[in-house]
Protein backbone atom coordinates (compact mmCIF):
# COMPACT_ATOMS: atom_id res chain seq x y z
CA MET A 1 -85.77 -15.34 17.71
CA LYS A 2 -84.44 -14.32 14.31
CA ASP A 3 -80.85 -14.79 15.51
CA ASP A 4 -81.67 -18.24 16.92
CA LEU A 5 -83.14 -19.32 13.62
CA ASN A 6 -80.16 -17.92 11.70
CA ASP A 7 -77.80 -19.87 13.97
CA LEU A 8 -79.85 -23.01 13.49
CA LEU A 9 -79.87 -22.57 9.72
CA ARG A 10 -76.07 -22.05 9.69
CA THR A 11 -75.49 -25.31 11.57
CA TRP A 12 -77.95 -27.26 9.43
CA ASN A 13 -76.31 -29.62 6.96
CA PRO A 14 -79.00 -30.88 4.63
CA PRO A 15 -78.36 -34.01 2.59
CA VAL A 16 -79.10 -32.06 -0.61
CA PRO A 17 -77.66 -28.65 -1.47
CA GLU A 18 -79.99 -25.79 -0.64
CA PRO A 19 -80.86 -23.17 -3.26
CA ASP A 20 -79.29 -19.71 -2.91
CA SER A 21 -82.66 -18.10 -2.20
CA PHE A 22 -83.61 -20.57 0.55
CA ARG A 23 -83.03 -18.24 3.50
CA ARG A 24 -84.78 -15.35 1.79
CA VAL A 25 -87.81 -17.55 1.06
CA VAL A 26 -87.89 -18.85 4.65
CA TRP A 27 -87.88 -15.34 6.14
CA ARG A 28 -90.47 -14.13 3.63
CA ARG A 29 -92.79 -17.00 4.59
CA ILE A 30 -92.26 -16.31 8.30
CA GLY A 31 -93.02 -12.64 7.72
CA LEU A 32 -96.20 -13.45 5.85
CA SER A 33 -97.44 -15.81 8.54
CA THR A 34 -96.97 -13.30 11.38
CA ASP A 35 -98.72 -10.49 9.50
CA ALA A 36 -101.91 -12.47 9.04
CA GLN A 37 -105.06 -10.54 9.90
CA PRO A 38 -107.85 -12.00 12.05
CA SER A 39 -110.37 -13.75 9.85
CA GLY A 40 -113.69 -13.65 11.70
CA TRP A 41 -115.61 -11.02 13.62
CA LEU A 42 -115.31 -13.00 16.85
CA GLU A 43 -111.53 -13.17 16.59
CA LYS A 44 -111.39 -9.41 15.89
CA PHE A 45 -113.66 -8.72 18.88
CA LEU A 46 -111.58 -10.88 21.23
CA ILE A 47 -108.36 -9.20 20.10
CA PHE A 48 -110.00 -5.81 20.72
CA VAL A 49 -111.28 -6.76 24.20
CA ALA A 50 -107.92 -8.31 25.17
CA LYS A 51 -106.25 -4.88 25.19
CA PRO A 52 -105.55 -3.89 28.81
CA HIS A 53 -107.38 -0.55 28.81
CA ILE A 54 -110.46 -2.04 27.12
CA ALA A 55 -110.48 -5.02 29.50
CA ALA A 56 -110.19 -2.70 32.53
CA ALA A 57 -113.05 -0.53 31.25
CA THR A 58 -115.20 -3.62 30.65
CA VAL A 59 -114.59 -4.87 34.20
CA ALA A 60 -115.36 -1.41 35.63
CA VAL A 61 -118.64 -1.20 33.68
CA ALA A 62 -119.62 -4.73 34.76
CA ILE A 63 -118.96 -3.92 38.43
CA LEU A 64 -120.87 -0.65 38.18
CA ALA A 65 -123.83 -2.33 36.43
CA GLY A 66 -123.90 -5.07 39.07
CA GLY A 67 -123.80 -2.54 41.88
CA VAL A 68 -126.59 -0.42 40.40
CA THR A 69 -128.73 -3.51 39.79
CA GLY A 70 -128.15 -4.81 43.31
CA PHE A 71 -128.90 -1.42 44.85
CA ALA A 72 -132.11 -1.07 42.82
CA LEU A 73 -133.32 -4.55 43.77
CA THR A 74 -132.48 -4.03 47.43
CA ASN A 75 -134.41 -0.77 47.62
CA ALA A 76 -137.39 -2.20 45.74
CA ASN A 77 -137.76 -4.98 48.34
CA GLY A 78 -137.00 -2.75 51.32
CA ALA A 79 -140.62 -2.29 52.43
CA GLU A 80 -141.37 -6.00 52.08
CA ASN A 81 -138.28 -6.92 54.06
CA TYR A 82 -139.26 -4.51 56.82
CA LEU A 83 -142.77 -5.94 57.06
CA ARG A 84 -141.42 -9.50 57.18
CA SER A 85 -138.95 -8.56 59.93
CA VAL A 86 -141.69 -6.97 62.05
CA ASN A 87 -144.34 -9.63 61.40
CA PRO A 88 -143.16 -12.85 59.78
CA TYR A 89 -146.80 -13.85 59.19
CA ALA A 90 -147.62 -10.71 57.21
CA GLN A 91 -149.09 -11.43 53.79
CA VAL A 92 -146.85 -9.45 51.51
CA ARG A 93 -147.80 -9.93 47.85
């Protein structure tokens, strides 16, 4: 990218003469803009979660939590489901 911009600046013929420090100022401004830190806590959090190993761990924890919750709910209703399958007219709860 830096080479492309250098080539573009070399071919640029402005109508007014450019100052000697123009290229240095341009690259300094580009450098400052790319080194900007995230401003808010939400932006910092999203940058943190977007890392591949953090995202993979988050997905693994979500799958595990969903599996544990589903297993717990299934076992809690197991007796009721059995009674309903044997006698659909049974008054369960």
